Each structure stands twice: as structure tokens, then as C-alpha cells.
Amino acid sequence: MRVFVEEQRFKKWWLFTMLVALIGGILLAFLFSGNDPQAKISMLFPLIMIILVFWLLLSMRLHTRIDNYGIVTRFSPFTFSKKRFSWNDIEKCYLRKYSQREFGGRGLRIAKKKKAYTIGGNQGIQIITKDQRKFLIGTQKPLDAKNVITYYTYKKEEI
């Protein structure tokens, strides 16, 4: 049995650096604002929002597994359940290049009859179900994914 497993994380160091600098700047302003409670309260909301965005980016994970049962993916923390595609429900499955503009950016993207889970890069696993729904899962390991997909789609055709 061949298995492909991948966990991707959001790794934009420049964005993390900018968020840490913003948090540090707000904390410094908070410390040097003296005893003015109004100034301290006005800094809390932006600080909390920036910390939440920072936590969200740090916790983003795109999990993908391809095995003899099919393809399973989960984009945490945005989806609570796994998305499962059985080989019996898949009409076509292949690797392809994609553009951010095709889906309006990165992340969890939903459009008419198509969805995408992407974190980075320009390679993805394209799934077309028998009811013609399209689903794209970004991957940083396109060759490994292609080998396992080819193995199971070829095996499916033999049956």
C-alpha cells in the first residue's frame, strides 16, 4: 500500500516579523502611556486583534493524505471535519499548476462548483468528482503526490 502524507504550514516570515513588530510597538506604547486609562484601553482592541491574527496564521495547517481509500484533507483551524474523496467518487485526479488569481488568493477558497485549499506554491492536486465538482488541494510535494495518485488511478482502471 502506498501512502502520501503532507502537512503544510503558513511560513511567511516577513508577515510574522511585521506582526511581532506591531505587537511590540503597541506594548511599548502601552507601557509608556503613563497612568492614562483611556489611552491604555484604546490600545487593547488593536493588540487583541493582532494577537488573534498572529495565532490564526501560526495555527494554519493543511493536512493531506492519499492512500488506497482515497484522498483526505483538512484545513485547520478553518474546517472542523476532514474532506474525504473516495476513489469510487473521483472521476479524474491529477497534478496541475495553478495561480493565486484563479481562486482569489490563498487559504480556503470557495467558488461556483469548485473549492480550493492552498497555503503556498503553485502546484495542486486537482480532483473532479463524478458529479463534476472540482476541488484543488495545494501541495509542496508534487512529485510524491503524483506518484501515489498515478498508482491508485492506474490501479482503479485495472478493476
N, C-alpha and C. Protein backbone atom coordinates (compact mmCIF):
# COMPACT_ATOMS: atom_id res chain seq x y z
N MET A 1 0.84 -1.18 0.00
CA MET A 1 0.00 0.00 0.00
C MET A 1 0.89 1.25 0.00
N ARG A 2 0.64 2.13 -0.92
CA ARG A 2 1.39 3.39 -0.99
C ARG A 2 0.58 4.48 -0.30
N VAL A 3 1.28 5.36 0.40
CA VAL A 3 0.62 6.43 1.15
C VAL A 3 1.40 7.73 0.95
N PHE A 4 0.65 8.80 0.73
CA PHE A 4 1.22 10.15 0.66
C PHE A 4 0.63 10.93 1.83
N VAL A 5 1.50 11.52 2.65
CA VAL A 5 1.05 12.34 3.77
C VAL A 5 1.82 13.65 3.72
N GLU A 6 1.10 14.75 3.88
CA GLU A 6 1.75 16.06 3.87
C GLU A 6 1.03 16.98 4.85
N GLU A 7 1.83 17.74 5.59
CA GLU A 7 1.29 18.79 6.44
C GLU A 7 2.01 20.08 6.07
N GLN A 8 1.25 21.05 5.61
CA GLN A 8 1.83 22.34 5.23
C GLN A 8 1.47 23.37 6.30
N ARG A 9 2.39 24.29 6.49
CA ARG A 9 2.17 25.40 7.43
C ARG A 9 2.36 26.71 6.69
N PHE A 10 1.76 27.74 7.23
CA PHE A 10 1.94 29.08 6.70
C PHE A 10 3.30 29.57 7.15
N LYS A 11 4.20 29.90 6.19
CA LYS A 11 5.59 30.23 6.53
C LYS A 11 6.06 31.56 5.94
N LYS A 12 5.26 32.57 6.03
CA LYS A 12 5.68 33.88 5.52
C LYS A 12 6.40 34.64 6.64
N TRP A 13 7.71 34.50 6.71
CA TRP A 13 8.48 35.09 7.80
C TRP A 13 8.34 36.60 7.86
N TRP A 14 8.23 37.25 6.70
CA TRP A 14 8.12 38.71 6.68
C TRP A 14 6.81 39.17 7.33
N LEU A 15 5.75 38.40 7.17
CA LEU A 15 4.47 38.75 7.80
C LEU A 15 4.54 38.53 9.30
N PHE A 16 5.17 37.44 9.73
CA PHE A 16 5.34 37.19 11.16
C PHE A 16 6.19 38.29 11.79
N THR A 17 7.24 38.71 11.10
CA THR A 17 8.11 39.77 11.60
C THR A 17 7.32 41.07 11.77
N MET A 18 6.50 41.39 10.78
CA MET A 18 5.69 42.60 10.83
C MET A 18 4.69 42.54 12.00
N LEU A 19 4.05 41.39 12.20
CA LEU A 19 3.09 41.26 13.30
C LEU A 19 3.77 41.35 14.66
N VAL A 20 4.94 40.73 14.80
CA VAL A 20 5.68 40.82 16.06
C VAL A 20 6.10 42.27 16.32
N ALA A 21 6.53 42.98 15.29
CA ALA A 21 6.90 44.39 15.44
C ALA A 21 5.69 45.23 15.85
N LEU A 22 4.53 44.96 15.26
CA LEU A 22 3.31 45.69 15.64
C LEU A 22 2.93 45.41 17.09
N ILE A 23 2.99 44.15 17.49
CA ILE A 23 2.67 43.79 18.88
C ILE A 23 3.66 44.47 19.83
N GLY A 24 4.95 44.44 19.48
CA GLY A 24 5.96 45.10 20.30
C GLY A 24 5.74 46.60 20.40
N GLY A 25 5.39 47.23 19.28
CA GLY A 25 5.13 48.67 19.27
C GLY A 25 3.94 49.04 20.14
N ILE A 26 2.89 48.26 20.06
CA ILE A 26 1.70 48.54 20.88
C ILE A 26 2.01 48.31 22.36
N LEU A 27 2.77 47.25 22.67
CA LEU A 27 3.13 47.00 24.07
C LEU A 27 4.02 48.12 24.63
N LEU A 28 4.95 48.62 23.81
CA LEU A 28 5.78 49.74 24.25
C LEU A 28 4.94 50.98 24.49
N ALA A 29 4.03 51.27 23.58
CA ALA A 29 3.13 52.41 23.75
C ALA A 29 2.28 52.23 25.00
N PHE A 30 1.85 51.01 25.24
CA PHE A 30 1.05 50.69 26.43
C PHE A 30 1.85 50.97 27.71
N LEU A 31 3.13 50.54 27.72
CA LEU A 31 3.97 50.74 28.90
C LEU A 31 4.30 52.21 29.14
N PHE A 32 4.49 52.96 28.05
CA PHE A 32 4.88 54.36 28.19
C PHE A 32 3.71 55.33 28.14
N SER A 33 2.50 54.82 28.23
CA SER A 33 1.33 55.72 28.18
C SER A 33 1.01 56.32 29.54
N GLY A 34 1.79 55.98 30.53
CA GLY A 34 1.59 56.55 31.86
C GLY A 34 0.37 55.97 32.54
N ASN A 35 -0.30 56.83 33.28
CA ASN A 35 -1.46 56.39 34.05
C ASN A 35 -2.78 56.72 33.36
N ASP A 36 -2.74 57.03 32.08
CA ASP A 36 -3.97 57.38 31.35
C ASP A 36 -4.74 56.11 30.99
N PRO A 37 -5.83 55.81 31.72
CA PRO A 37 -6.58 54.58 31.44
C PRO A 37 -7.24 54.59 30.07
N GLN A 38 -7.64 55.76 29.59
CA GLN A 38 -8.28 55.87 28.27
C GLN A 38 -7.31 55.45 27.16
N ALA A 39 -6.05 55.87 27.27
CA ALA A 39 -5.04 55.51 26.27
C ALA A 39 -4.77 54.01 26.30
N LYS A 40 -4.71 53.45 27.51
CA LYS A 40 -4.44 52.01 27.63
C LYS A 40 -5.60 51.19 27.07
N ILE A 41 -6.82 51.60 27.34
CA ILE A 41 -7.99 50.88 26.84
C ILE A 41 -8.05 50.96 25.32
N SER A 42 -7.70 52.11 24.75
CA SER A 42 -7.77 52.27 23.29
C SER A 42 -6.73 51.39 22.58
N MET A 43 -5.70 50.97 23.28
CA MET A 43 -4.67 50.11 22.67
C MET A 43 -5.02 48.63 22.79
N LEU A 44 -5.94 48.28 23.65
CA LEU A 44 -6.25 46.87 23.87
C LEU A 44 -6.88 46.20 22.66
N PHE A 45 -7.84 46.86 22.02
CA PHE A 45 -8.53 46.24 20.88
C PHE A 45 -7.57 45.93 19.73
N PRO A 46 -6.76 46.90 19.28
CA PRO A 46 -5.81 46.54 18.20
C PRO A 46 -4.83 45.45 18.62
N LEU A 47 -4.39 45.48 19.88
CA LEU A 47 -3.46 44.47 20.36
C LEU A 47 -4.10 43.08 20.33
N ILE A 48 -5.32 42.98 20.81
CA ILE A 48 -6.02 41.69 20.81
C ILE A 48 -6.24 41.20 19.38
N MET A 49 -6.63 42.08 18.47
CA MET A 49 -6.87 41.69 17.08
C MET A 49 -5.59 41.20 16.41
N ILE A 50 -4.49 41.90 16.63
CA ILE A 50 -3.22 41.49 16.02
C ILE A 50 -2.76 40.15 16.59
N ILE A 51 -2.92 39.96 17.89
CA ILE A 51 -2.55 38.68 18.50
C ILE A 51 -3.41 37.55 17.95
N LEU A 52 -4.71 37.80 17.74
CA LEU A 52 -5.59 36.78 17.16
C LEU A 52 -5.17 36.42 15.73
N VAL A 53 -4.83 37.43 14.93
CA VAL A 53 -4.37 37.17 13.56
C VAL A 53 -3.06 36.37 13.59
N PHE A 54 -2.16 36.75 14.48
CA PHE A 54 -0.89 36.06 14.63
C PHE A 54 -1.13 34.59 15.00
N TRP A 55 -2.01 34.34 15.98
CA TRP A 55 -2.33 32.97 16.38
C TRP A 55 -2.95 32.20 15.22
N LEU A 56 -3.85 32.84 14.49
CA LEU A 56 -4.51 32.19 13.36
C LEU A 56 -3.49 31.75 12.31
N LEU A 57 -2.57 32.63 11.98
CA LEU A 57 -1.54 32.29 10.99
C LEU A 57 -0.61 31.18 11.49
N LEU A 58 -0.28 31.22 12.78
CA LEU A 58 0.59 30.17 13.33
C LEU A 58 -0.10 28.82 13.38
N SER A 59 -1.42 28.81 13.55
CA SER A 59 -2.13 27.54 13.69
C SER A 59 -2.63 26.98 12.36
N MET A 60 -2.45 27.72 11.26
CA MET A 60 -2.91 27.23 9.96
C MET A 60 -2.12 25.99 9.54
N ARG A 61 -2.85 24.94 9.19
CA ARG A 61 -2.25 23.70 8.71
C ARG A 61 -3.11 23.13 7.60
N LEU A 62 -2.47 22.65 6.58
CA LEU A 62 -3.17 21.94 5.51
C LEU A 62 -2.67 20.50 5.54
N HIS A 63 -3.55 19.60 5.97
CA HIS A 63 -3.22 18.18 6.07
C HIS A 63 -3.78 17.46 4.85
N THR A 64 -2.96 16.63 4.22
CA THR A 64 -3.40 15.84 3.07
C THR A 64 -2.89 14.42 3.23
N ARG A 65 -3.76 13.47 2.93
CA ARG A 65 -3.39 12.05 2.95
C ARG A 65 -4.01 11.38 1.74
N ILE A 66 -3.17 10.64 1.01
CA ILE A 66 -3.65 9.85 -0.13
C ILE A 66 -3.26 8.40 0.14
N ASP A 67 -4.26 7.53 0.11
CA ASP A 67 -3.99 6.10 0.33
C ASP A 67 -4.97 5.27 -0.49
N ASN A 68 -5.07 3.99 -0.20
CA ASN A 68 -5.91 3.11 -1.01
C ASN A 68 -7.40 3.40 -0.85
N TYR A 69 -7.80 4.16 0.18
CA TYR A 69 -9.21 4.52 0.35
C TYR A 69 -9.59 5.77 -0.45
N GLY A 70 -8.61 6.63 -0.71
CA GLY A 70 -8.89 7.86 -1.44
C GLY A 70 -8.02 9.00 -0.93
N ILE A 71 -8.58 10.21 -0.99
CA ILE A 71 -7.86 11.41 -0.59
C ILE A 71 -8.62 12.06 0.56
N VAL A 72 -7.88 12.41 1.61
CA VAL A 72 -8.47 13.07 2.77
C VAL A 72 -7.68 14.34 3.02
N THR A 73 -8.39 15.44 3.27
CA THR A 73 -7.72 16.70 3.55
C THR A 73 -8.46 17.46 4.64
N ARG A 74 -7.71 18.30 5.33
CA ARG A 74 -8.31 19.16 6.36
C ARG A 74 -7.48 20.43 6.43
N PHE A 75 -8.17 21.56 6.46
CA PHE A 75 -7.50 22.85 6.55
C PHE A 75 -7.85 23.45 7.91
N SER A 76 -6.99 23.19 8.89
CA SER A 76 -7.28 23.69 10.24
C SER A 76 -6.67 25.09 10.40
N PRO A 77 -7.25 25.94 11.16
CA PRO A 77 -8.43 25.82 12.01
C PRO A 77 -9.74 26.20 11.30
N PHE A 78 -9.74 26.28 10.00
CA PHE A 78 -10.93 26.76 9.28
C PHE A 78 -11.99 25.69 9.06
N THR A 79 -11.58 24.45 8.98
CA THR A 79 -12.56 23.38 8.80
C THR A 79 -12.49 22.46 10.01
N PHE A 80 -13.63 22.04 10.48
CA PHE A 80 -13.67 21.20 11.68
C PHE A 80 -13.65 19.71 11.33
N SER A 81 -14.09 19.39 10.14
CA SER A 81 -14.11 17.98 9.74
C SER A 81 -13.20 17.78 8.53
N LYS A 82 -12.84 16.55 8.31
CA LYS A 82 -11.99 16.22 7.16
C LYS A 82 -12.84 16.11 5.91
N LYS A 83 -12.28 16.51 4.80
CA LYS A 83 -12.93 16.35 3.50
C LYS A 83 -12.39 15.06 2.90
N ARG A 84 -13.30 14.13 2.60
CA ARG A 84 -12.89 12.82 2.10
C ARG A 84 -13.37 12.62 0.66
N PHE A 85 -12.48 12.09 -0.16
CA PHE A 85 -12.81 11.73 -1.54
C PHE A 85 -12.44 10.26 -1.74
N SER A 86 -13.43 9.43 -1.86
CA SER A 86 -13.19 8.01 -2.12
C SER A 86 -12.80 7.86 -3.59
N TRP A 87 -11.94 6.88 -3.89
CA TRP A 87 -11.55 6.65 -5.29
C TRP A 87 -12.78 6.36 -6.15
N ASN A 88 -13.82 5.78 -5.57
CA ASN A 88 -15.05 5.49 -6.32
C ASN A 88 -15.82 6.75 -6.70
N ASP A 89 -15.64 7.84 -5.93
CA ASP A 89 -16.35 9.09 -6.19
C ASP A 89 -15.56 10.03 -7.10
N ILE A 90 -14.31 9.69 -7.38
CA ILE A 90 -13.44 10.57 -8.17
C ILE A 90 -13.47 10.14 -9.63
N GLU A 91 -13.79 11.10 -10.50
CA GLU A 91 -13.75 10.83 -11.94
C GLU A 91 -12.34 11.04 -12.48
N LYS A 92 -11.71 12.18 -12.08
CA LYS A 92 -10.35 12.49 -12.51
C LYS A 92 -9.58 13.03 -11.32
N CYS A 93 -8.29 12.74 -11.30
CA CYS A 93 -7.41 13.26 -10.26
C CYS A 93 -6.01 13.40 -10.87
N TYR A 94 -5.46 14.59 -10.81
CA TYR A 94 -4.15 14.82 -11.41
C TYR A 94 -3.50 16.03 -10.77
N LEU A 95 -2.20 16.18 -10.99
CA LEU A 95 -1.48 17.35 -10.51
C LEU A 95 -1.48 18.43 -11.58
N ARG A 96 -1.56 19.67 -11.12
CA ARG A 96 -1.51 20.78 -12.07
C ARG A 96 -0.98 22.03 -11.40
N LYS A 97 -0.52 22.95 -12.25
CA LYS A 97 -0.12 24.26 -11.76
C LYS A 97 -1.36 25.13 -11.68
N TYR A 98 -1.36 26.04 -10.71
CA TYR A 98 -2.47 26.98 -10.57
C TYR A 98 -1.93 28.34 -10.19
N SER A 99 -2.76 29.34 -10.33
CA SER A 99 -2.40 30.71 -9.98
C SER A 99 -3.25 31.16 -8.80
N GLN A 100 -2.69 31.99 -7.95
CA GLN A 100 -3.47 32.57 -6.84
C GLN A 100 -4.70 33.29 -7.37
N ARG A 101 -4.54 33.95 -8.49
CA ARG A 101 -5.65 34.74 -9.06
C ARG A 101 -6.82 33.88 -9.48
N GLU A 102 -6.56 32.62 -9.80
CA GLU A 102 -7.62 31.71 -10.21
C GLU A 102 -8.67 31.54 -9.11
N PHE A 103 -8.22 31.59 -7.85
CA PHE A 103 -9.13 31.40 -6.72
C PHE A 103 -9.25 32.64 -5.85
N GLY A 104 -8.60 33.72 -6.22
CA GLY A 104 -8.69 34.94 -5.43
C GLY A 104 -7.78 34.94 -4.21
N GLY A 105 -6.65 34.28 -4.30
CA GLY A 105 -5.70 34.27 -3.19
C GLY A 105 -5.47 32.90 -2.62
N ARG A 106 -4.90 32.88 -1.43
CA ARG A 106 -4.59 31.62 -0.75
C ARG A 106 -5.57 31.39 0.38
N GLY A 107 -5.54 30.17 0.90
CA GLY A 107 -6.42 29.83 2.01
C GLY A 107 -7.53 28.92 1.55
N LEU A 108 -8.64 28.97 2.26
CA LEU A 108 -9.82 28.19 1.91
C LEU A 108 -10.64 29.04 0.95
N ARG A 109 -10.78 28.60 -0.28
CA ARG A 109 -11.47 29.38 -1.31
C ARG A 109 -12.64 28.58 -1.86
N ILE A 110 -13.78 29.25 -1.95
CA ILE A 110 -14.98 28.61 -2.47
C ILE A 110 -15.54 29.44 -3.60
N ALA A 111 -15.77 28.80 -4.73
CA ALA A 111 -16.38 29.44 -5.89
C ALA A 111 -17.47 28.51 -6.41
N LYS A 112 -18.09 28.89 -7.48
CA LYS A 112 -19.19 28.10 -8.04
C LYS A 112 -18.67 26.72 -8.46
N LYS A 113 -19.15 25.68 -7.82
CA LYS A 113 -18.82 24.28 -8.10
C LYS A 113 -17.33 23.95 -8.00
N LYS A 114 -16.56 24.82 -7.33
CA LYS A 114 -15.15 24.48 -7.12
C LYS A 114 -14.66 25.08 -5.81
N LYS A 115 -13.76 24.35 -5.17
CA LYS A 115 -13.16 24.77 -3.91
C LYS A 115 -11.66 24.57 -3.99
N ALA A 116 -10.95 25.32 -3.16
CA ALA A 116 -9.50 25.17 -3.10
C ALA A 116 -9.02 25.36 -1.67
N TYR A 117 -8.06 24.53 -1.27
CA TYR A 117 -7.33 24.70 -0.02
C TYR A 117 -5.87 24.90 -0.44
N THR A 118 -5.36 26.10 -0.23
CA THR A 118 -3.96 26.36 -0.60
C THR A 118 -3.28 27.18 0.48
N ILE A 119 -1.99 26.94 0.65
CA ILE A 119 -1.20 27.73 1.60
C ILE A 119 -0.06 28.44 0.86
N GLY A 120 0.58 27.76 -0.05
CA GLY A 120 1.69 28.37 -0.77
C GLY A 120 2.01 27.58 -2.02
N GLY A 121 2.88 28.12 -2.82
CA GLY A 121 3.29 27.43 -4.04
C GLY A 121 2.29 27.58 -5.17
N ASN A 122 2.53 26.82 -6.23
CA ASN A 122 1.65 26.89 -7.41
C ASN A 122 1.30 25.51 -7.95
N GLN A 123 1.50 24.47 -7.15
CA GLN A 123 1.18 23.10 -7.55
C GLN A 123 0.02 22.60 -6.71
N GLY A 124 -0.89 21.88 -7.36
CA GLY A 124 -2.03 21.37 -6.62
C GLY A 124 -2.54 20.05 -7.16
N ILE A 125 -3.26 19.35 -6.30
CA ILE A 125 -3.93 18.10 -6.66
C ILE A 125 -5.34 18.47 -7.09
N GLN A 126 -5.64 18.32 -8.36
CA GLN A 126 -6.97 18.64 -8.89
C GLN A 126 -7.84 17.39 -8.81
N ILE A 127 -8.98 17.52 -8.15
CA ILE A 127 -9.93 16.41 -8.04
C ILE A 127 -11.21 16.84 -8.73
N ILE A 128 -11.72 15.99 -9.62
CA ILE A 128 -13.03 16.21 -10.24
C ILE A 128 -13.87 15.00 -9.88
N THR A 129 -14.96 15.27 -9.17
CA THR A 129 -15.82 14.17 -8.72
C THR A 129 -16.76 13.75 -9.85
N LYS A 130 -17.43 12.63 -9.66
CA LYS A 130 -18.36 12.13 -10.68
C LYS A 130 -19.54 13.06 -10.90
N ASP A 131 -19.88 13.88 -9.88
CA ASP A 131 -20.95 14.86 -10.07
C ASP A 131 -20.39 16.22 -10.52
N GLN A 132 -19.16 16.21 -11.05
CA GLN A 132 -18.49 17.35 -11.69
C GLN A 132 -18.12 18.49 -10.73
N ARG A 133 -18.02 18.23 -9.45
CA ARG A 133 -17.50 19.23 -8.54
C ARG A 133 -15.98 19.20 -8.61
N LYS A 134 -15.37 20.37 -8.50
CA LYS A 134 -13.91 20.47 -8.59
C LYS A 134 -13.35 20.91 -7.25
N PHE A 135 -12.22 20.30 -6.90
CA PHE A 135 -11.58 20.59 -5.63
C PHE A 135 -10.07 20.57 -5.86
N LEU A 136 -9.38 21.63 -5.41
CA LEU A 136 -7.93 21.72 -5.57
C LEU A 136 -7.29 21.76 -4.19
N ILE A 137 -6.28 20.94 -4.00
CA ILE A 137 -5.52 20.90 -2.75
C ILE A 137 -4.08 21.25 -3.09
N GLY A 138 -3.58 22.35 -2.54
CA GLY A 138 -2.20 22.74 -2.78
C GLY A 138 -1.23 21.73 -2.19
N THR A 139 -0.08 21.58 -2.83
CA THR A 139 0.94 20.67 -2.31
C THR A 139 2.34 21.25 -2.53
N GLN A 140 3.21 20.98 -1.58
CA GLN A 140 4.62 21.35 -1.71
C GLN A 140 5.46 20.14 -2.13
N LYS A 141 4.81 18.99 -2.27
CA LYS A 141 5.49 17.76 -2.68
C LYS A 141 4.81 17.19 -3.92
N PRO A 142 4.87 17.90 -5.04
CA PRO A 142 4.11 17.47 -6.21
C PRO A 142 4.53 16.12 -6.78
N LEU A 143 5.82 15.81 -6.78
CA LEU A 143 6.26 14.53 -7.36
C LEU A 143 5.80 13.34 -6.53
N ASP A 144 5.90 13.47 -5.21
CA ASP A 144 5.45 12.38 -4.34
C ASP A 144 3.95 12.16 -4.49
N ALA A 145 3.20 13.27 -4.52
CA ALA A 145 1.74 13.18 -4.68
C ALA A 145 1.39 12.55 -6.02
N LYS A 146 2.09 12.98 -7.07
CA LYS A 146 1.81 12.45 -8.41
C LYS A 146 2.04 10.94 -8.48
N ASN A 147 3.13 10.48 -7.87
CA ASN A 147 3.43 9.04 -7.89
C ASN A 147 2.32 8.22 -7.24
N VAL A 148 1.83 8.68 -6.09
CA VAL A 148 0.79 7.93 -5.38
C VAL A 148 -0.54 8.03 -6.12
N ILE A 149 -0.87 9.21 -6.65
CA ILE A 149 -2.11 9.38 -7.42
C ILE A 149 -2.09 8.49 -8.66
N THR A 150 -0.96 8.48 -9.37
CA THR A 150 -0.84 7.64 -10.57
C THR A 150 -1.00 6.17 -10.21
N TYR A 151 -0.42 5.76 -9.11
CA TYR A 151 -0.52 4.37 -8.67
C TYR A 151 -1.98 3.98 -8.44
N TYR A 152 -2.73 4.81 -7.71
CA TYR A 152 -4.11 4.44 -7.39
C TYR A 152 -5.09 4.66 -8.54
N THR A 153 -4.85 5.67 -9.38
CA THR A 153 -5.75 5.84 -10.53
C THR A 153 -5.52 4.74 -11.56
N TYR A 154 -4.28 4.30 -11.71
CA TYR A 154 -3.98 3.19 -12.63
C TYR A 154 -4.58 1.89 -12.09
N LYS A 155 -4.45 1.70 -10.78
CA LYS A 155 -5.00 0.50 -10.13
C LYS A 155 -6.52 0.48 -10.26
N LYS A 156 -7.15 1.65 -10.16
CA LYS A 156 -8.61 1.77 -10.29
C LYS A 156 -9.07 1.38 -11.69
N GLU A 157 -8.29 1.79 -12.70
CA GLU A 157 -8.64 1.49 -14.10
C GLU A 157 -8.52 0.00 -14.40
N GLU A 158 -7.64 -0.70 -13.68
CA GLU A 158 -7.46 -2.13 -13.91
C GLU A 158 -8.68 -2.94 -13.47
N ILE A 159 -9.38 -2.43 -12.48
CA ILE A 159 -10.51 -3.18 -11.90
C ILE A 159 -11.71 -3.23 -12.80
